[in-house]
N, C-alpha and C. Protein backbone atom coordinates (compact mmCIF):
# COMPACT_ATOMS: atom_id res chain seq x y z
N MET A 1 -27.70 -4.71 -9.65
CA MET A 1 -27.79 -3.12 -8.90
C MET A 1 -27.28 -2.55 -10.38
N GLU A 2 -27.91 -1.59 -10.73
CA GLU A 2 -27.23 -0.69 -11.85
C GLU A 2 -26.26 0.21 -11.43
N LYS A 3 -25.42 0.02 -12.90
CA LYS A 3 -24.13 0.77 -12.16
C LYS A 3 -24.36 2.37 -12.03
N ASP A 4 -23.89 3.42 -10.98
CA ASP A 4 -23.48 4.40 -10.53
C ASP A 4 -22.99 5.10 -11.85
N LYS A 5 -23.75 5.81 -12.98
CA LYS A 5 -22.52 6.46 -13.97
C LYS A 5 -22.04 7.44 -13.34
N SER A 6 -22.29 8.21 -12.18
CA SER A 6 -21.22 8.98 -11.87
C SER A 6 -20.17 8.96 -11.19
N LEU A 7 -20.27 7.81 -10.88
CA LEU A 7 -18.80 7.32 -9.90
C LEU A 7 -17.61 6.68 -11.13
N LYS A 8 -16.69 7.53 -10.97
CA LYS A 8 -15.82 6.63 -11.52
C LYS A 8 -14.95 5.75 -10.99
N PRO A 9 -14.45 4.62 -12.27
CA PRO A 9 -14.26 3.28 -11.43
C PRO A 9 -12.82 3.82 -10.78
N ILE A 10 -12.41 3.05 -10.55
CA ILE A 10 -10.94 2.58 -9.81
C ILE A 10 -10.15 1.84 -11.34
N ARG A 11 -9.24 2.63 -11.71
CA ARG A 11 -8.03 2.23 -12.76
C ARG A 11 -7.30 1.55 -12.37
N VAL A 12 -7.07 0.17 -12.65
CA VAL A 12 -6.39 -0.60 -12.13
C VAL A 12 -5.11 -1.48 -13.07
N ILE A 13 -3.80 -1.29 -13.37
CA ILE A 13 -3.11 -2.46 -14.06
C ILE A 13 -2.63 -3.50 -12.92
N THR A 14 -2.20 -4.64 -13.93
CA THR A 14 -1.56 -5.95 -13.43
C THR A 14 -0.51 -5.72 -13.54
N VAL A 15 0.63 -6.35 -13.09
CA VAL A 15 2.44 -6.42 -13.54
C VAL A 15 2.68 -7.95 -12.80
N ASP A 16 2.56 -8.60 -14.00
CA ASP A 16 2.87 -9.92 -13.70
C ASP A 16 3.51 -10.48 -14.55
N ASP A 17 4.70 -11.72 -14.42
CA ASP A 17 5.28 -12.19 -15.91
C ASP A 17 4.26 -13.76 -15.86
N HIS A 18 3.32 -13.96 -15.41
CA HIS A 18 2.36 -15.20 -15.66
C HIS A 18 1.00 -14.70 -16.42
N GLU A 19 0.84 -14.97 -17.43
CA GLU A 19 -0.15 -14.74 -17.90
C GLU A 19 -1.57 -15.27 -17.78
N ILE A 20 -1.26 -16.60 -17.43
CA ILE A 20 -2.86 -16.75 -16.67
C ILE A 20 -3.35 -16.28 -15.50
N LEU A 21 -2.23 -15.48 -14.65
CA LEU A 21 -2.55 -14.61 -13.72
C LEU A 21 -3.24 -13.39 -14.03
N ARG A 22 -2.30 -12.50 -14.75
CA ARG A 22 -3.24 -11.86 -15.24
C ARG A 22 -4.58 -11.69 -15.58
N GLY A 23 -4.55 -12.83 -16.66
CA GLY A 23 -6.11 -13.32 -17.12
C GLY A 23 -7.04 -13.81 -16.09
N GLY A 24 -6.78 -14.14 -14.70
CA GLY A 24 -7.67 -14.28 -13.92
C GLY A 24 -8.34 -13.14 -13.21
N ILE A 25 -7.19 -12.05 -13.04
CA ILE A 25 -7.63 -10.77 -12.16
C ILE A 25 -8.42 -10.26 -13.18
N LYS A 26 -7.94 -10.41 -14.39
CA LYS A 26 -8.98 -9.25 -15.49
C LYS A 26 -10.30 -10.27 -15.22
N PHE A 27 -10.57 -11.34 -15.50
CA PHE A 27 -11.66 -11.92 -15.19
C PHE A 27 -12.55 -11.50 -14.02
N VAL A 28 -11.35 -11.46 -12.95
CA VAL A 28 -12.52 -10.94 -11.35
C VAL A 28 -12.43 -9.68 -11.23
N LEU A 29 -12.23 -8.63 -11.89
CA LEU A 29 -12.29 -7.69 -12.11
C LEU A 29 -13.55 -6.88 -12.81
N LEU A 30 -14.05 -7.81 -13.63
CA LEU A 30 -15.18 -7.95 -14.41
C LEU A 30 -16.44 -7.57 -13.88
N ALA A 31 -16.42 -8.44 -12.50
CA ALA A 31 -17.52 -8.89 -11.85
C ALA A 31 -17.70 -7.64 -10.70
N PHE A 32 -16.70 -6.39 -10.77
CA PHE A 32 -16.79 -5.42 -9.97
C PHE A 32 -17.47 -3.82 -10.96
N ASP A 33 -18.62 -3.18 -10.30
CA ASP A 33 -18.54 -1.88 -11.40
C ASP A 33 -17.82 -0.59 -11.09
N ASP A 34 -17.34 -1.10 -10.02
CA ASP A 34 -16.67 0.48 -9.71
C ASP A 34 -14.95 0.60 -9.70
N MET A 35 -14.46 -0.58 -10.56
CA MET A 35 -12.83 -0.87 -10.87
C MET A 35 -12.93 -1.71 -12.35
N GLU A 36 -11.86 -1.12 -12.77
CA GLU A 36 -11.59 -1.61 -14.13
C GLU A 36 -10.08 -2.05 -14.56
N LEU A 37 -9.91 -2.89 -15.31
CA LEU A 37 -8.65 -3.03 -15.71
C LEU A 37 -8.21 -2.24 -17.39
N VAL A 38 -7.16 -1.28 -16.98
CA VAL A 38 -6.90 -0.38 -17.74
C VAL A 38 -5.40 -0.93 -18.68
N GLY A 39 -4.98 -1.98 -18.31
CA GLY A 39 -3.42 -2.48 -18.84
C GLY A 39 -3.04 -3.81 -17.81
N GLU A 40 -2.01 -4.42 -18.82
CA GLU A 40 -0.89 -5.23 -18.01
C GLU A 40 0.27 -5.21 -18.64
N ALA A 41 1.10 -5.41 -17.39
CA ALA A 41 2.60 -5.75 -17.79
C ALA A 41 3.43 -7.02 -17.00
N ARG A 42 4.22 -7.12 -17.75
CA ARG A 42 4.74 -8.78 -17.48
C ARG A 42 5.96 -8.17 -16.58
N ASN A 43 6.11 -7.38 -16.59
CA ASN A 43 7.65 -6.64 -15.99
C ASN A 43 7.90 -5.12 -15.25
N GLY A 44 9.02 -4.96 -14.61
CA GLY A 44 8.57 -3.90 -13.90
C GLY A 44 8.82 -2.44 -15.00
N ASP A 45 9.57 -2.43 -15.93
CA ASP A 45 9.74 -2.05 -16.95
C ASP A 45 8.78 -1.50 -18.11
N GLU A 46 7.91 -2.48 -18.00
CA GLU A 46 6.56 -2.31 -18.95
C GLU A 46 5.76 -1.77 -17.85
N ALA A 47 5.81 -1.58 -16.49
CA ALA A 47 4.80 -1.29 -15.48
C ALA A 47 4.98 0.22 -15.67
N VAL A 48 5.81 0.69 -15.55
CA VAL A 48 6.64 2.38 -15.21
C VAL A 48 6.17 3.10 -16.62
N ASP A 49 6.09 2.13 -17.74
CA ASP A 49 6.04 2.64 -19.08
C ASP A 49 4.25 2.45 -18.82
N LEU A 50 3.61 2.06 -18.53
CA LEU A 50 2.15 1.72 -18.53
C LEU A 50 1.92 2.92 -17.59
N CYS A 51 2.38 3.30 -16.54
CA CYS A 51 1.95 4.06 -15.51
C CYS A 51 1.63 5.53 -16.64
N GLU A 52 3.20 5.73 -16.97
CA GLU A 52 3.29 7.13 -17.74
C GLU A 52 1.79 7.43 -18.66
N GLN A 53 1.52 6.15 -19.71
CA GLN A 53 0.60 6.41 -20.73
C GLN A 53 -0.77 6.48 -19.95
N LEU A 54 -1.08 5.44 -18.95
CA LEU A 54 -2.52 4.98 -18.74
C LEU A 54 -2.35 5.88 -17.34
N GLN A 55 -1.80 6.58 -16.27
CA GLN A 55 -2.01 7.02 -15.26
C GLN A 55 -3.16 6.27 -14.30
N PRO A 56 -3.03 5.11 -14.17
CA PRO A 56 -4.02 4.35 -13.36
C PRO A 56 -3.94 4.70 -11.66
N ASP A 57 -5.05 4.15 -11.05
CA ASP A 57 -4.72 4.67 -9.67
C ASP A 57 -4.62 3.80 -8.94
N VAL A 58 -4.44 2.44 -9.45
CA VAL A 58 -3.70 1.48 -8.57
C VAL A 58 -3.23 0.46 -9.42
N VAL A 59 -1.79 -0.17 -8.91
CA VAL A 59 -0.89 -1.12 -9.72
C VAL A 59 -1.05 -2.10 -9.19
N LEU A 60 -1.51 -3.68 -9.00
CA LEU A 60 -1.05 -4.57 -8.69
C LEU A 60 -0.06 -5.33 -9.08
N MET A 61 1.24 -5.43 -8.01
CA MET A 61 2.36 -5.37 -8.39
C MET A 61 3.15 -6.87 -7.69
N ASP A 62 3.51 -7.56 -8.72
CA ASP A 62 4.05 -9.07 -8.56
C ASP A 62 5.54 -8.22 -8.06
N LEU A 63 6.49 -9.23 -7.36
CA LEU A 63 7.57 -9.16 -6.93
C LEU A 63 8.86 -9.41 -7.97
N MET A 64 8.71 -11.23 -8.03
CA MET A 64 9.98 -11.65 -8.54
C MET A 64 9.32 -11.73 -9.83
N MET A 65 9.86 -10.77 -10.93
CA MET A 65 10.05 -10.70 -11.91
C MET A 65 11.12 -10.77 -12.70
N GLU A 66 11.56 -11.22 -14.09
CA GLU A 66 12.92 -10.62 -14.51
C GLU A 66 13.28 -9.22 -15.05
N GLY A 67 14.16 -8.91 -15.19
CA GLY A 67 14.58 -7.54 -15.50
C GLY A 67 14.20 -6.52 -14.12
N MET A 68 13.51 -5.64 -14.33
CA MET A 68 13.13 -4.51 -12.85
C MET A 68 12.07 -5.22 -12.13
N ASN A 69 12.46 -5.88 -10.70
CA ASN A 69 11.80 -6.45 -10.22
C ASN A 69 10.55 -5.80 -9.67
N GLY A 70 9.50 -6.34 -8.63
CA GLY A 70 8.66 -5.52 -8.34
C GLY A 70 8.92 -4.23 -7.42
N ALA A 71 10.03 -4.88 -6.35
CA ALA A 71 10.07 -3.57 -5.49
C ALA A 71 10.80 -2.63 -6.20
N GLU A 72 11.92 -2.85 -7.02
CA GLU A 72 12.28 -1.62 -7.98
C GLU A 72 11.47 -0.66 -8.61
N ALA A 73 10.60 -1.42 -9.26
CA ALA A 73 9.37 -0.62 -9.98
C ALA A 73 8.59 0.25 -9.24
N THR A 74 8.16 -0.67 -8.04
CA THR A 74 7.30 0.14 -7.02
C THR A 74 7.98 1.85 -6.83
N ARG A 75 9.18 1.65 -6.49
CA ARG A 75 10.27 2.30 -6.26
C ARG A 75 9.99 3.69 -7.37
N ALA A 76 10.27 3.05 -8.20
CA ALA A 76 10.21 3.93 -9.60
C ALA A 76 8.87 4.38 -9.78
N ILE A 77 7.92 4.04 -9.84
CA ILE A 77 6.78 4.35 -9.84
C ILE A 77 6.38 5.66 -8.60
N ARG A 78 6.70 5.45 -7.78
CA ARG A 78 5.99 6.15 -6.93
C ARG A 78 6.61 7.35 -6.81
N LYS A 79 7.52 7.20 -7.15
CA LYS A 79 9.02 8.60 -7.50
C LYS A 79 8.36 9.42 -8.63
N LYS A 80 7.93 8.65 -9.24
CA LYS A 80 7.65 9.34 -10.86
C LYS A 80 6.03 9.94 -10.52
N TYR A 81 5.21 9.27 -10.20
CA TYR A 81 3.86 9.15 -9.76
C TYR A 81 3.38 8.87 -8.63
N PRO A 82 3.63 9.44 -7.61
CA PRO A 82 3.11 9.80 -6.23
C PRO A 82 1.77 9.57 -6.02
N GLU A 83 0.97 10.26 -7.00
CA GLU A 83 -0.76 9.87 -6.89
C GLU A 83 -1.13 8.01 -7.19
N ILE A 84 -0.22 7.63 -7.90
CA ILE A 84 -0.75 6.15 -8.20
C ILE A 84 -0.08 5.18 -6.85
N GLN A 85 -0.84 4.24 -6.39
CA GLN A 85 -0.70 3.65 -5.30
C GLN A 85 -0.30 2.31 -5.83
N VAL A 86 0.58 1.45 -4.97
CA VAL A 86 1.17 0.20 -5.43
C VAL A 86 0.76 -1.22 -4.59
N LEU A 87 0.04 -2.05 -4.89
CA LEU A 87 -0.60 -2.86 -3.94
C LEU A 87 0.61 -4.01 -4.41
N ILE A 88 1.18 -4.81 -3.81
CA ILE A 88 2.20 -5.86 -3.84
C ILE A 88 1.13 -7.42 -4.01
N LEU A 89 1.14 -8.24 -4.85
CA LEU A 89 0.31 -8.88 -4.80
C LEU A 89 1.23 -10.30 -5.25
N THR A 90 1.90 -11.31 -4.20
CA THR A 90 3.18 -11.84 -4.48
C THR A 90 2.41 -13.50 -3.76
N SER A 91 3.33 -14.31 -4.47
CA SER A 91 3.44 -15.90 -3.39
C SER A 91 4.13 -15.66 -2.32
N PHE A 92 5.33 -14.61 -2.59
CA PHE A 92 6.51 -15.18 -1.48
C PHE A 92 6.42 -14.21 -0.10
N LEU A 93 6.73 -14.70 0.93
CA LEU A 93 6.39 -14.17 2.23
C LEU A 93 7.44 -14.55 3.13
N ALA A 94 8.40 -13.17 2.86
CA ALA A 94 9.19 -12.83 3.84
C ALA A 94 10.05 -11.72 4.44
N ASN A 95 10.42 -11.51 5.34
CA ASN A 95 10.43 -10.14 6.33
C ASN A 95 11.10 -9.45 5.19
N ASP A 96 12.69 -9.71 4.79
CA ASP A 96 13.31 -8.75 4.01
C ASP A 96 12.37 -8.65 2.60
N LEU A 97 11.91 -9.29 2.05
CA LEU A 97 10.78 -8.94 0.91
C LEU A 97 9.93 -7.58 1.28
N VAL A 98 9.00 -8.17 2.26
CA VAL A 98 8.21 -7.29 2.71
C VAL A 98 8.85 -5.93 3.24
N GLN A 99 9.93 -6.07 3.83
CA GLN A 99 10.64 -4.62 4.21
C GLN A 99 11.01 -4.08 2.46
N GLN A 100 11.53 -4.68 1.70
CA GLN A 100 11.61 -3.78 0.65
C GLN A 100 10.28 -2.85 0.26
N ALA A 101 9.72 -3.82 -0.50
CA ALA A 101 8.70 -3.46 -0.84
C ALA A 101 7.78 -2.08 -0.23
N MET A 102 7.72 -2.19 1.41
CA MET A 102 6.99 -1.03 1.62
C MET A 102 8.03 0.18 1.70
N GLN A 103 9.22 -0.09 1.86
CA GLN A 103 10.49 1.19 1.84
C GLN A 103 10.39 1.46 0.76
N ALA A 104 10.23 0.85 -0.39
CA ALA A 104 9.97 0.99 -2.03
C ALA A 104 8.62 1.97 -2.06
N GLY A 105 7.73 1.87 -0.88
CA GLY A 105 6.48 2.89 -1.25
C GLY A 105 5.25 2.58 -1.51
N ALA A 106 5.01 0.77 -1.45
CA ALA A 106 3.82 0.00 -1.48
C ALA A 106 2.88 0.30 -0.54
N ILE A 107 1.58 0.62 -0.70
CA ILE A 107 0.71 0.88 0.37
C ILE A 107 0.02 -0.56 0.80
N GLY A 108 0.49 -1.55 0.38
CA GLY A 108 -0.13 -2.91 0.82
C GLY A 108 0.31 -4.05 0.12
N TYR A 109 0.73 -4.95 1.07
CA TYR A 109 1.27 -6.31 0.55
C TYR A 109 0.31 -7.45 0.84
N LEU A 110 -0.01 -7.91 -0.13
CA LEU A 110 -1.07 -9.27 -0.13
C LEU A 110 -0.41 -10.41 -0.80
N LEU A 111 -0.63 -11.64 -0.25
CA LEU A 111 -0.41 -12.86 -0.71
C LEU A 111 -1.44 -13.62 -1.89
N LYS A 112 -1.01 -13.87 -3.04
CA LYS A 112 -2.00 -14.68 -4.19
C LYS A 112 -2.58 -15.84 -3.45
N GLY A 113 -3.89 -16.27 -3.94
CA GLY A 113 -4.72 -17.22 -3.30
C GLY A 113 -5.64 -16.61 -2.33
N ILE A 114 -5.84 -14.97 -2.32
CA ILE A 114 -6.99 -14.43 -1.49
C ILE A 114 -8.17 -14.70 -2.26
N SER A 115 -9.34 -14.54 -1.35
CA SER A 115 -10.28 -14.36 -2.23
C SER A 115 -10.77 -13.32 -3.12
N ILE A 116 -11.73 -13.26 -4.14
CA ILE A 116 -12.17 -12.37 -4.90
C ILE A 116 -12.49 -11.27 -3.71
N ASP A 117 -13.36 -11.63 -3.19
CA ASP A 117 -13.67 -10.03 -2.44
C ASP A 117 -12.86 -9.24 -1.72
N GLU A 118 -11.33 -10.44 -1.23
CA GLU A 118 -10.51 -9.66 -0.39
C GLU A 118 -9.39 -9.04 -1.09
N LEU A 119 -9.58 -9.48 -2.61
CA LEU A 119 -8.54 -8.86 -3.43
C LEU A 119 -9.42 -7.01 -3.87
N ALA A 120 -10.85 -7.25 -4.14
CA ALA A 120 -11.80 -6.03 -4.69
C ALA A 120 -11.43 -5.41 -3.51
N ASP A 121 -11.51 -5.84 -2.17
CA ASP A 121 -11.41 -4.72 -0.92
C ASP A 121 -10.11 -4.29 -1.05
N ALA A 122 -9.13 -5.43 -1.37
CA ALA A 122 -7.82 -4.33 -1.24
C ALA A 122 -7.12 -3.92 -2.03
N ILE A 123 -7.86 -3.51 -3.64
CA ILE A 123 -8.01 -2.20 -4.54
C ILE A 123 -8.76 -1.37 -3.79
N ARG A 124 -9.76 -1.36 -3.44
CA ARG A 124 -10.67 -0.30 -2.69
C ARG A 124 -9.52 0.55 -2.10
N ALA A 125 -9.11 -0.08 -1.14
CA ALA A 125 -8.56 0.56 -0.18
C ALA A 125 -7.20 1.52 -0.56
N PRO A 126 -6.06 1.18 -1.10
CA PRO A 126 -5.28 2.29 -1.93
C PRO A 126 -5.71 2.97 -2.64
N ALA A 127 -6.82 2.84 -3.12
CA ALA A 127 -7.67 3.72 -4.27
C ALA A 127 -8.10 5.28 -2.84
N ILE A 128 -7.95 4.91 -1.83
CA ILE A 128 -8.09 5.77 -0.99
C ILE A 128 -7.03 5.73 0.05
N GLY A 129 -5.93 5.45 -0.29
CA GLY A 129 -4.76 5.93 0.76
C GLY A 129 -4.70 5.10 1.78
N ARG A 130 -5.47 3.81 1.94
CA ARG A 130 -5.09 3.13 3.00
C ARG A 130 -4.46 2.00 3.00
N CYS A 131 -3.61 1.75 4.05
CA CYS A 131 -2.62 0.79 3.99
C CYS A 131 -3.47 -0.90 4.18
N MET A 132 -3.10 -1.50 3.36
CA MET A 132 -3.25 -3.06 3.64
C MET A 132 -2.41 -4.19 3.59
N LEU A 133 -2.24 -4.61 4.58
CA LEU A 133 -1.55 -6.32 4.74
C LEU A 133 -2.24 -7.15 5.18
N ALA A 134 -1.68 -8.64 4.71
CA ALA A 134 -2.20 -9.96 4.93
C ALA A 134 -2.05 -9.85 6.22
N ALA A 135 -2.82 -10.79 6.72
CA ALA A 135 -2.54 -11.07 8.24
C ALA A 135 -1.19 -12.22 8.37
N GLU A 136 -0.86 -12.51 7.47
CA GLU A 136 0.66 -13.12 7.23
C GLU A 136 1.89 -12.46 6.99
N VAL A 137 1.42 -11.34 6.65
CA VAL A 137 2.36 -10.18 6.61
C VAL A 137 2.59 -9.39 7.89
N ILE A 138 1.52 -9.08 8.54
CA ILE A 138 1.30 -8.49 9.80
C ILE A 138 2.34 -9.49 10.56
N GLN A 139 1.84 -11.08 11.08
CA GLN A 139 2.96 -11.90 11.85
C GLN A 139 4.43 -11.65 11.25
N VAL A 140 4.72 -11.44 10.42
CA VAL A 140 6.03 -11.44 10.03
C VAL A 140 6.91 -10.15 10.37
N LEU A 141 5.85 -9.19 10.20
CA LEU A 141 6.36 -7.67 10.79
C LEU A 141 6.16 -7.77 12.02
N LEU A 142 5.69 -8.76 12.72
CA LEU A 142 5.49 -8.23 14.14
C LEU A 142 6.65 -8.43 14.80
N GLN A 143 8.01 -9.23 14.31
CA GLN A 143 9.15 -9.75 14.96
C GLN A 143 10.01 -8.03 15.03
N PRO A 144 10.23 -7.80 16.16
CA PRO A 144 10.75 -6.68 16.72
C PRO A 144 12.38 -6.15 15.97
N SER A 145 12.30 -4.96 15.39
CA SER A 145 13.36 -4.46 14.95
C SER A 145 13.86 -3.38 16.24
N LYS A 146 15.23 -3.89 16.76
CA LYS A 146 15.65 -2.56 18.21
C LYS A 146 15.62 -1.06 17.34
N PRO A 147 15.93 -0.72 16.40
CA PRO A 147 16.49 0.41 15.88
C PRO A 147 14.72 1.11 15.91
N SER A 148 13.76 0.38 14.90
CA SER A 148 12.82 1.05 14.93
C SER A 148 11.99 1.02 16.32
N SER A 149 11.93 0.20 17.07
CA SER A 149 11.35 -0.23 18.44
C SER A 149 12.07 1.22 19.35
N GLN A 150 13.14 1.55 19.18
CA GLN A 150 13.72 2.89 19.76
C GLN A 150 13.21 4.20 19.62
N ALA A 151 12.79 4.48 17.80
CA ALA A 151 12.62 5.38 17.46
C ALA A 151 10.74 5.66 18.00
N VAL A 152 10.28 4.16 18.04
CA VAL A 152 8.67 4.48 18.52
C VAL A 152 8.55 5.09 20.03
N TYR A 153 9.57 4.05 20.90
CA TYR A 153 9.71 4.60 22.11
C TYR A 153 10.18 6.05 22.31
N GLU A 154 10.64 6.83 21.47
CA GLU A 154 11.04 8.36 21.54
C GLU A 154 9.91 9.07 21.26
N LEU A 155 8.99 8.77 20.78
CA LEU A 155 8.03 9.41 20.16
C LEU A 155 6.75 10.06 21.79
N SER A 156 6.29 10.96 21.48
CA SER A 156 5.59 11.63 22.59
C SER A 156 4.77 10.20 22.75
N LYS A 157 3.76 10.62 23.92
CA LYS A 157 2.74 9.72 24.37
C LYS A 157 1.42 10.22 23.09
N ARG A 158 1.47 11.15 22.64
CA ARG A 158 0.43 11.63 21.75
C ARG A 158 0.75 11.20 20.39
N GLN A 159 2.21 11.89 20.12
CA GLN A 159 2.84 10.81 19.20
C GLN A 159 2.40 9.73 18.54
N GLN A 160 2.80 8.80 19.47
CA GLN A 160 2.55 7.61 19.41
C GLN A 160 0.63 6.94 19.06
N GLU A 161 -0.04 7.82 19.72
CA GLU A 161 -1.31 7.75 19.16
C GLU A 161 -1.42 8.17 18.15
N VAL A 162 -1.13 8.91 17.38
CA VAL A 162 -1.20 9.30 16.23
C VAL A 162 -0.64 8.40 15.35
N LEU A 163 0.78 8.20 15.42
CA LEU A 163 1.12 6.68 14.59
C LEU A 163 -0.08 5.57 14.82
N ALA A 164 -0.48 5.31 15.92
CA ALA A 164 -1.36 3.95 15.91
C ALA A 164 -2.80 4.72 15.02
N LEU A 165 -2.98 5.85 15.25
CA LEU A 165 -4.61 5.60 14.03
C LEU A 165 -3.86 5.46 12.61
N LEU A 166 -2.78 6.38 12.50
CA LEU A 166 -2.36 6.61 11.14
C LEU A 166 -2.17 4.84 10.56
N ALA A 167 -1.49 4.12 11.34
CA ALA A 167 -1.38 2.41 11.03
C ALA A 167 -2.55 1.76 10.99
N LEU A 168 -3.81 2.29 11.31
CA LEU A 168 -4.93 1.86 11.07
C LEU A 168 -5.86 2.38 9.49
N GLY A 169 -5.04 3.17 8.84
CA GLY A 169 -5.36 4.02 7.73
C GLY A 169 -6.04 5.02 7.61
N LEU A 170 -6.24 5.83 9.02
CA LEU A 170 -7.19 6.92 9.02
C LEU A 170 -6.42 8.26 8.44
N SER A 171 -7.18 9.04 7.92
CA SER A 171 -6.39 10.46 7.14
C SER A 171 -6.46 11.05 8.66
N ASN A 172 -5.64 12.12 8.19
CA ASN A 172 -5.51 13.34 8.97
C ASN A 172 -6.68 13.81 9.59
N GLU A 173 -7.89 14.16 8.94
CA GLU A 173 -8.76 14.35 9.25
C GLU A 173 -9.99 13.84 10.52
N ALA A 174 -9.14 12.20 9.75
CA ALA A 174 -10.49 11.31 10.83
C ALA A 174 -9.03 11.43 12.07
N ILE A 175 -7.92 11.65 11.93
CA ILE A 175 -7.50 11.56 13.51
C ILE A 175 -7.77 12.87 14.48
N ALA A 176 -7.80 13.81 13.94
CA ALA A 176 -7.89 15.07 14.14
C ALA A 176 -9.67 14.83 14.57
N GLN A 177 -10.40 14.49 14.19
CA GLN A 177 -11.94 14.17 14.73
C GLN A 177 -11.73 13.24 16.18
N ARG A 178 -10.82 12.11 15.80
CA ARG A 178 -10.97 11.13 17.28
C ARG A 178 -10.07 11.75 18.11
N MET A 179 -8.99 12.45 17.89
CA MET A 179 -8.14 13.02 18.80
C MET A 179 -8.80 14.68 19.49
N LYS A 180 -9.84 14.90 18.49
CA LYS A 180 -10.16 16.38 18.88
C LYS A 180 -9.48 17.46 19.21
N LEU A 181 -8.16 17.34 17.97
CA LEU A 181 -7.49 18.35 17.66
C LEU A 181 -7.59 19.20 16.34
N SER A 182 -7.28 19.92 15.70
CA SER A 182 -7.12 20.14 14.59
C SER A 182 -6.35 19.74 13.53
N PRO A 183 -6.78 19.92 12.26
CA PRO A 183 -6.06 18.60 10.96
C PRO A 183 -4.60 19.63 11.00
N SER A 184 -4.56 20.73 11.32
CA SER A 184 -3.28 21.29 11.16
C SER A 184 -2.48 20.89 12.19
N THR A 185 -2.59 20.53 13.44
CA THR A 185 -1.95 20.23 14.84
C THR A 185 -1.79 18.67 14.33
N ILE A 186 -2.83 17.84 13.36
CA ILE A 186 -2.22 16.72 13.40
C ILE A 186 -1.27 16.30 12.25
N ARG A 187 -1.33 17.38 11.37
CA ARG A 187 -0.36 17.23 10.22
C ARG A 187 1.08 17.35 10.89
N HIS A 188 0.92 18.36 11.91
CA HIS A 188 2.31 19.00 12.17
C HIS A 188 2.92 17.15 13.08
N HIS A 189 1.71 16.77 14.03
CA HIS A 189 2.47 15.64 14.51
C HIS A 189 2.69 14.21 13.53
N VAL A 190 2.23 14.47 12.52
CA VAL A 190 2.59 13.21 11.49
C VAL A 190 3.98 13.28 11.22
N SER A 191 4.47 14.79 10.84
CA SER A 191 5.39 15.16 10.26
C SER A 191 6.39 14.80 11.13
N GLN A 192 6.35 15.41 12.64
CA GLN A 192 7.32 14.84 13.86
C GLN A 192 7.38 13.43 13.66
N VAL A 193 6.33 12.47 13.77
CA VAL A 193 6.34 11.14 13.76
C VAL A 193 7.19 10.39 12.47
N LEU A 194 7.17 11.11 11.17
CA LEU A 194 7.76 10.33 10.32
C LEU A 194 9.16 10.81 10.59
N ASN A 195 9.28 11.97 10.81
CA ASN A 195 10.88 12.25 11.18
C ASN A 195 11.46 11.79 12.22
N LYS A 196 10.76 11.31 13.26
CA LYS A 196 11.63 10.56 14.38
C LYS A 196 12.04 9.22 13.90
N LEU A 197 10.49 8.75 13.64
CA LEU A 197 10.91 7.45 12.74
C LEU A 197 11.86 7.17 11.59
N GLY A 198 12.40 8.02 11.04
CA GLY A 198 13.27 8.01 9.96
C GLY A 198 12.82 7.02 8.71
N VAL A 199 11.33 7.71 8.42
CA VAL A 199 10.86 7.17 7.45
C VAL A 199 10.08 8.06 6.35
N THR A 200 9.80 8.06 5.10
CA THR A 200 9.30 8.82 4.16
C THR A 200 8.20 9.08 3.86
N ASN A 201 7.06 8.36 4.29
CA ASN A 201 5.87 8.12 3.94
C ASN A 201 4.67 7.13 5.13
N ARG A 202 3.67 7.58 5.24
CA ARG A 202 2.77 7.05 6.13
C ARG A 202 2.60 5.71 5.74
N THR A 203 2.95 5.07 4.98
CA THR A 203 2.82 3.33 4.99
C THR A 203 4.14 3.19 5.70
N GLU A 204 5.51 3.50 5.35
CA GLU A 204 6.53 3.22 6.05
C GLU A 204 6.29 3.34 7.78
N ALA A 205 5.72 4.06 8.20
CA ALA A 205 5.66 4.51 9.36
C ALA A 205 4.26 3.53 9.70
N ALA A 206 3.37 3.36 9.08
CA ALA A 206 2.30 2.09 9.44
C ALA A 206 3.03 0.91 9.80
N THR A 207 4.04 0.69 8.78
CA THR A 207 4.74 -0.74 8.89
C THR A 207 5.78 -0.76 10.21
N THR A 208 6.02 0.35 10.55
CA THR A 208 6.79 0.25 11.69
C THR A 208 5.67 0.40 12.60
N ALA A 209 4.99 0.84 12.98
CA ALA A 209 3.89 0.62 14.06
C ALA A 209 3.40 -0.82 14.35
N VAL A 210 3.00 -1.78 13.00
CA VAL A 210 2.30 -2.64 13.21
C VAL A 210 3.55 -3.83 13.91
N ARG A 211 5.04 -3.53 12.96
CA ARG A 211 6.03 -4.47 13.65
C ARG A 211 6.66 -4.21 15.32
N VAL A 212 6.19 -2.94 15.58
CA VAL A 212 6.75 -2.78 17.05
C VAL A 212 5.48 -3.40 17.70
N GLY A 213 4.17 -3.47 17.18
CA GLY A 213 2.89 -3.66 18.47
C GLY A 213 2.16 -2.77 19.01
N CYS A 214 2.37 -1.40 17.99
CA CYS A 214 1.73 -0.36 18.14
C CYS A 214 0.01 -0.47 18.03
N VAL A 215 -0.23 -1.35 16.91
CA VAL A 215 -1.63 -1.85 16.81
C VAL A 215 -1.77 -3.21 16.91
């Protein structure tokens, strides 16, 4: 298929202390016309610097690295450059690691070893603001957390419905169409949901929804 020159490719940087893995991702991305690798970092400090220089769309972030780790780097990037989405790609699966990453502002959490097509789909999702969680991660998050569960139960029925749709990755406009409400009304409901759950962004709200079984 001929490449559509009118479409800008998704700009990606990888952050991993293993050169072989970075090289593998670089090779994989060459197979897709709608994304390009624009930079590589060995640790969190380099990742933050690269984000300033290159302004990528998506960062593929490892967690366990010397110096600034993945969660710390994610928090720093999201604070300074909220338009840049961070997707965790790691070998480690533990509830506390997932929680730290998502609370830092990551929009997804995937495990190394996923297929080429799964990786490509995962990169496309955060580029449009959709949360991506590996099936194994969802299972970890399904362990109930009492404070979060209680907060969800305190939401109104309509707010719980908004939360469930938000967790599926729908935009405010899409939720408005699904619920036959105005986008401004949905924005108000989303704001109320975030406040009641005590979270700062849609990704954390989605994580809470998955954890307590709303989706």
